[in-house]
Amino acid sequence: MADTNSSAKPTAEGPFAECVLCREPTEYPETHKGVTLCPVCEWHEAQRTACSG
């Protein structure tokens, strides 16, 4: 059986930081430094900045 807790995403026990774009809770703790994005906004940002060539 696979370990479901072995992900590359940060894990934290609340309170969670707000997404800087949509203000939804992120997977990052409030003490996380830098820009925090929720999973949806992270995906949109990755699509926006991906090479289109």
PDB file of N, CA and C in Angstrom:
ATOM      1  N   MET A   1       0.843  -1.187   0.000  1.00  0.00           N
ATOM      2  CA  MET A   1       0.000   0.000   0.000  1.00  0.00           C
ATOM      3  C   MET A   1       0.883   1.243   0.000  1.00  0.00           C
ATOM      4  N   ALA A   2       0.558   2.227  -0.816  1.00  0.00           N
ATOM      5  CA  ALA A   2       1.357   3.449  -0.947  1.00  0.00           C
ATOM      6  C   ALA A   2       1.109   4.381   0.225  1.00  0.00           C
ATOM      7  N   ASP A   3       2.145   5.116   0.605  1.00  0.00           N
ATOM      8  CA  ASP A   3       2.037   6.116   1.664  1.00  0.00           C
ATOM      9  C   ASP A   3       1.416   7.372   1.072  1.00  0.00           C
ATOM     10  N   THR A   4       0.238   7.757   1.547  1.00  0.00           N
ATOM     11  CA  THR A   4      -0.469   8.910   0.975  1.00  0.00           C
ATOM     12  C   THR A   4       0.072  10.230   1.481  1.00  0.00           C
ATOM     13  N   ASN A   5       0.959  10.225   2.481  1.00  0.00           N
ATOM     14  CA  ASN A   5       1.502  11.463   3.026  1.00  0.00           C
ATOM     15  C   ASN A   5       2.833  11.850   2.401  1.00  0.00           C
ATOM     16  N   SER A   6       3.288  11.139   1.398  1.00  0.00           N
ATOM     17  CA  SER A   6       4.592  11.437   0.798  1.00  0.00           C
ATOM     18  C   SER A   6       4.412  12.272  -0.470  1.00  0.00           C
ATOM     19  N   SER A   7       4.058  13.534  -0.302  1.00  0.00           N
ATOM     20  CA  SER A   7       3.906  14.430  -1.445  1.00  0.00           C
ATOM     21  C   SER A   7       4.981  15.503  -1.397  1.00  0.00           C
ATOM     22  N   ALA A   8       5.231  16.125  -2.536  1.00  0.00           N
ATOM     23  CA  ALA A   8       6.229  17.180  -2.616  1.00  0.00           C
ATOM     24  C   ALA A   8       5.675  18.517  -2.128  1.00  0.00           C
ATOM     25  N   LYS A   9       4.371  18.597  -1.941  1.00  0.00           N
ATOM     26  CA  LYS A   9       3.733  19.831  -1.484  1.00  0.00           C
ATOM     27  C   LYS A   9       4.023  20.059  -0.002  1.00  0.00           C
ATOM     28  N   PRO A  10       4.112  21.318   0.394  1.00  0.00           N
ATOM     29  CA  PRO A  10       4.306  21.598   1.814  1.00  0.00           C
ATOM     30  C   PRO A  10       3.080  21.191   2.614  1.00  0.00           C
ATOM     31  N   THR A  11       3.320  20.678   3.797  1.00  0.00           N
ATOM     32  CA  THR A  11       2.202  20.319   4.658  1.00  0.00           C
ATOM     33  C   THR A  11       2.303  21.125   5.933  1.00  0.00           C
ATOM     34  N   ALA A  12       1.196  21.577   6.411  1.00  0.00           N
ATOM     35  CA  ALA A  12       1.187  22.384   7.629  1.00  0.00           C
ATOM     36  C   ALA A  12      -0.135  22.176   8.345  1.00  0.00           C
ATOM     37  N   GLU A  13      -0.087  22.356   9.640  1.00  0.00           N
ATOM     38  CA  GLU A  13      -1.302  22.333  10.448  1.00  0.00           C
ATOM     39  C   GLU A  13      -1.730  23.780  10.601  1.00  0.00           C
ATOM     40  N   GLY A  14      -2.869  24.215  10.031  1.00  0.00           N
ATOM     41  CA  GLY A  14      -3.372  25.584  10.062  1.00  0.00           C
ATOM     42  C   GLY A  14      -2.675  26.505  11.055  1.00  0.00           C
ATOM     43  N   PRO A  15      -2.881  27.756  11.057  1.00  0.00           N
ATOM     44  CA  PRO A  15      -3.654  28.488  10.051  1.00  0.00           C
ATOM     45  C   PRO A  15      -2.857  28.638   8.757  1.00  0.00           C
ATOM     46  N   PHE A  16      -3.569  28.670   7.662  1.00  0.00           N
ATOM     47  CA  PHE A  16      -2.936  28.715   6.352  1.00  0.00           C
ATOM     48  C   PHE A  16      -2.897  30.139   5.804  1.00  0.00           C
ATOM     49  N   ALA A  17      -1.883  30.417   5.004  1.00  0.00           N
ATOM     50  CA  ALA A  17      -1.749  31.727   4.359  1.00  0.00           C
ATOM     51  C   ALA A  17      -2.827  31.868   3.286  1.00  0.00           C
ATOM     52  N   GLU A  18      -3.200  33.112   2.981  1.00  0.00           N
ATOM     53  CA  GLU A  18      -4.157  33.376   1.907  1.00  0.00           C
ATOM     54  C   GLU A  18      -3.431  33.458   0.574  1.00  0.00           C
ATOM     55  N   CYS A  19      -4.103  33.043  -0.483  1.00  0.00           N
ATOM     56  CA  CYS A  19      -3.594  33.204  -1.841  1.00  0.00           C
ATOM     57  C   CYS A  19      -3.542  34.703  -2.136  1.00  0.00           C
ATOM     58  N   VAL A  20      -2.442  35.167  -2.732  1.00  0.00           N
ATOM     59  CA  VAL A  20      -2.311  36.598  -3.012  1.00  0.00           C
ATOM     60  C   VAL A  20      -3.198  37.045  -4.175  1.00  0.00           C
ATOM     61  N   LEU A  21      -3.745  36.110  -4.936  1.00  0.00           N
ATOM     62  CA  LEU A  21      -4.597  36.471  -6.063  1.00  0.00           C
ATOM     63  C   LEU A  21      -6.085  36.378  -5.729  1.00  0.00           C
ATOM     64  N   CYS A  22      -6.514  35.256  -5.141  1.00  0.00           N
ATOM     65  CA  CYS A  22      -7.953  35.065  -4.915  1.00  0.00           C
ATOM     66  C   CYS A  22      -8.339  35.027  -3.437  1.00  0.00           C
ATOM     67  N   ARG A  23      -7.360  35.100  -2.547  1.00  0.00           N
ATOM     68  CA  ARG A  23      -7.563  35.128  -1.096  1.00  0.00           C
ATOM     69  C   ARG A  23      -8.130  33.838  -0.514  1.00  0.00           C
ATOM     70  N   GLU A  24      -8.099  32.747  -1.286  1.00  0.00           N
ATOM     71  CA  GLU A  24      -8.488  31.435  -0.772  1.00  0.00           C
ATOM     72  C   GLU A  24      -7.345  30.892   0.079  1.00  0.00           C
ATOM     73  N   PRO A  25      -7.613  29.953   0.995  1.00  0.00           N
ATOM     74  CA  PRO A  25      -6.530  29.358   1.782  1.00  0.00           C
ATOM     75  C   PRO A  25      -5.580  28.559   0.887  1.00  0.00           C
ATOM     76  N   THR A  26      -4.308  28.614   1.200  1.00  0.00           N
ATOM     77  CA  THR A  26      -3.307  27.859   0.452  1.00  0.00           C
ATOM     78  C   THR A  26      -2.896  26.638   1.259  1.00  0.00           C
ATOM     79  N   GLU A  27      -1.915  25.899   0.754  1.00  0.00           N
ATOM     80  CA  GLU A  27      -1.369  24.754   1.470  1.00  0.00           C
ATOM     81  C   GLU A  27      -0.176  25.175   2.319  1.00  0.00           C
ATOM     82  N   TYR A  28       0.120  26.464   2.360  1.00  0.00           N
ATOM     83  CA  TYR A  28       1.276  26.984   3.074  1.00  0.00           C
ATOM     84  C   TYR A  28       0.858  27.580   4.416  1.00  0.00           C
ATOM     85  N   PRO A  29       1.714  27.464   5.429  1.00  0.00           N
ATOM     86  CA  PRO A  29       1.386  28.096   6.716  1.00  0.00           C
ATOM     87  C   PRO A  29       1.477  29.612   6.605  1.00  0.00           C
ATOM     88  N   GLU A  30       0.856  30.323   7.528  1.00  0.00           N
ATOM     89  CA  GLU A  30       0.906  31.794   7.521  1.00  0.00           C
ATOM     90  C   GLU A  30       2.325  32.320   7.631  1.00  0.00           C
ATOM     91  N   THR A  31       3.226  31.532   8.192  1.00  0.00           N
ATOM     92  CA  THR A  31       4.615  31.972   8.372  1.00  0.00           C
ATOM     93  C   THR A  31       5.459  31.785   7.122  1.00  0.00           C
ATOM     94  N   HIS A  32       4.899  31.232   6.038  1.00  0.00           N
ATOM     95  CA  HIS A  32       5.634  30.999   4.792  1.00  0.00           C
ATOM     96  C   HIS A  32       6.066  32.332   4.185  1.00  0.00           C
ATOM     97  N   LYS A  33       7.339  32.428   3.817  1.00  0.00           N
ATOM     98  CA  LYS A  33       7.859  33.660   3.204  1.00  0.00           C
ATOM     99  C   LYS A  33       7.619  33.634   1.702  1.00  0.00           C
ATOM    100  N   GLY A  34       7.368  34.784   1.141  1.00  0.00           N
ATOM    101  CA  GLY A  34       7.218  34.911  -0.301  1.00  0.00           C
ATOM    102  C   GLY A  34       5.766  34.861  -0.750  1.00  0.00           C
ATOM    103  N   VAL A  35       5.578  34.782  -2.057  1.00  0.00           N
ATOM    104  CA  VAL A  35       4.253  34.777  -2.653  1.00  0.00           C
ATOM    105  C   VAL A  35       3.591  33.428  -2.386  1.00  0.00           C
ATOM    106  N   THR A  36       2.368  33.453  -1.905  1.00  0.00           N
ATOM    107  CA  THR A  36       1.627  32.220  -1.669  1.00  0.00           C
ATOM    108  C   THR A  36       0.436  32.169  -2.608  1.00  0.00           C
ATOM    109  N   LEU A  37       0.300  31.058  -3.309  1.00  0.00           N
ATOM    110  CA  LEU A  37      -0.804  30.854  -4.235  1.00  0.00           C
ATOM    111  C   LEU A  37      -1.535  29.570  -3.873  1.00  0.00           C
ATOM    112  N   CYS A  38      -2.855  29.560  -4.058  1.00  0.00           N
ATOM    113  CA  CYS A  38      -3.623  28.334  -3.860  1.00  0.00           C
ATOM    114  C   CYS A  38      -3.312  27.396  -5.032  1.00  0.00           C
ATOM    115  N   PRO A  39      -3.659  26.119  -4.931  1.00  0.00           N
ATOM    116  CA  PRO A  39      -3.354  25.187  -6.031  1.00  0.00           C
ATOM    117  C   PRO A  39      -3.929  25.616  -7.378  1.00  0.00           C
ATOM    118  N   VAL A  40      -5.117  26.188  -7.395  1.00  0.00           N
ATOM    119  CA  VAL A  40      -5.733  26.618  -8.661  1.00  0.00           C
ATOM    120  C   VAL A  40      -4.933  27.762  -9.278  1.00  0.00           C
ATOM    121  N   CYS A  41      -4.608  28.778  -8.478  1.00  0.00           N
ATOM    122  CA  CYS A  41      -3.842  29.919  -8.993  1.00  0.00           C
ATOM    123  C   CYS A  41      -2.422  29.505  -9.362  1.00  0.00           C
ATOM    124  N   GLU A  42      -1.828  28.556  -8.617  1.00  0.00           N
ATOM    125  CA  GLU A  42      -0.500  28.041  -8.983  1.00  0.00           C
ATOM    126  C   GLU A  42      -0.549  27.435 -10.373  1.00  0.00           C
ATOM    127  N   TRP A  43      -1.594  26.649 -10.648  1.00  0.00           N
ATOM    128  CA  TRP A  43      -1.729  26.001 -11.945  1.00  0.00           C
ATOM    129  C   TRP A  43      -1.919  27.039 -13.049  1.00  0.00           C
ATOM    130  N   HIS A  44      -2.781  28.033 -12.797  1.00  0.00           N
ATOM    131  CA  HIS A  44      -3.003  29.084 -13.800  1.00  0.00           C
ATOM    132  C   HIS A  44      -1.720  29.858 -14.058  1.00  0.00           C
ATOM    133  N   GLU A  45      -0.960  30.166 -13.016  1.00  0.00           N
ATOM    134  CA  GLU A  45       0.296  30.896 -13.169  1.00  0.00           C
ATOM    135  C   GLU A  45       1.299  30.075 -13.974  1.00  0.00           C
ATOM    136  N   ALA A  46       1.363  28.774 -13.708  1.00  0.00           N
ATOM    137  CA  ALA A  46       2.268  27.909 -14.453  1.00  0.00           C
ATOM    138  C   ALA A  46       1.880  27.864 -15.931  1.00  0.00           C
ATOM    139  N   GLN A  47       0.581  27.805 -16.221  1.00  0.00           N
ATOM    140  CA  GLN A  47       0.129  27.816 -17.606  1.00  0.00           C
ATOM    141  C   GLN A  47       0.449  29.138 -18.283  1.00  0.00           C
ATOM    142  N   ARG A  48       0.289  30.235 -17.555  1.00  0.00           N
ATOM    143  CA  ARG A  48       0.531  31.568 -18.106  1.00  0.00           C
ATOM    144  C   ARG A  48       1.999  31.769 -18.454  1.00  0.00           C
ATOM    145  N   THR A  49       2.889  31.258 -17.597  1.00  0.00           N
ATOM    146  CA  THR A  49       4.321  31.497 -17.780  1.00  0.00           C
ATOM    147  C   THR A  49       5.025  30.392 -18.552  1.00  0.00           C
ATOM    148  N   ALA A  50       4.311  29.343 -18.928  1.00  0.00           N
ATOM    149  CA  ALA A  50       4.926  28.231 -19.664  1.00  0.00           C
ATOM    150  C   ALA A  50       5.353  28.692 -21.059  1.00  0.00           C
ATOM    151  N   CYS A  51       6.376  28.086 -21.548  1.00  0.00           N
ATOM    152  CA  CYS A  51       6.863  28.391 -22.891  1.00  0.00           C
ATOM    153  C   CYS A  51       5.822  27.955 -23.906  1.00  0.00           C
ATOM    154  N   SER A  52       5.449  28.847 -24.789  1.00  0.00           N
ATOM    155  CA  SER A  52       4.439  28.521 -25.789  1.00  0.00           C
ATOM    156  C   SER A  52       5.061  28.130 -27.132  1.00  0.00           C
ATOM    157  N   GLY A  53       6.360  27.992 -27.145  1.00  0.00           N
ATOM    158  CA  GLY A  53       7.058  27.714 -28.396  1.00  0.00           C
ATOM    159  C   GLY A  53       7.184  26.323 -28.674  1.00  0.00           C
TER     160      GLY A  53
END
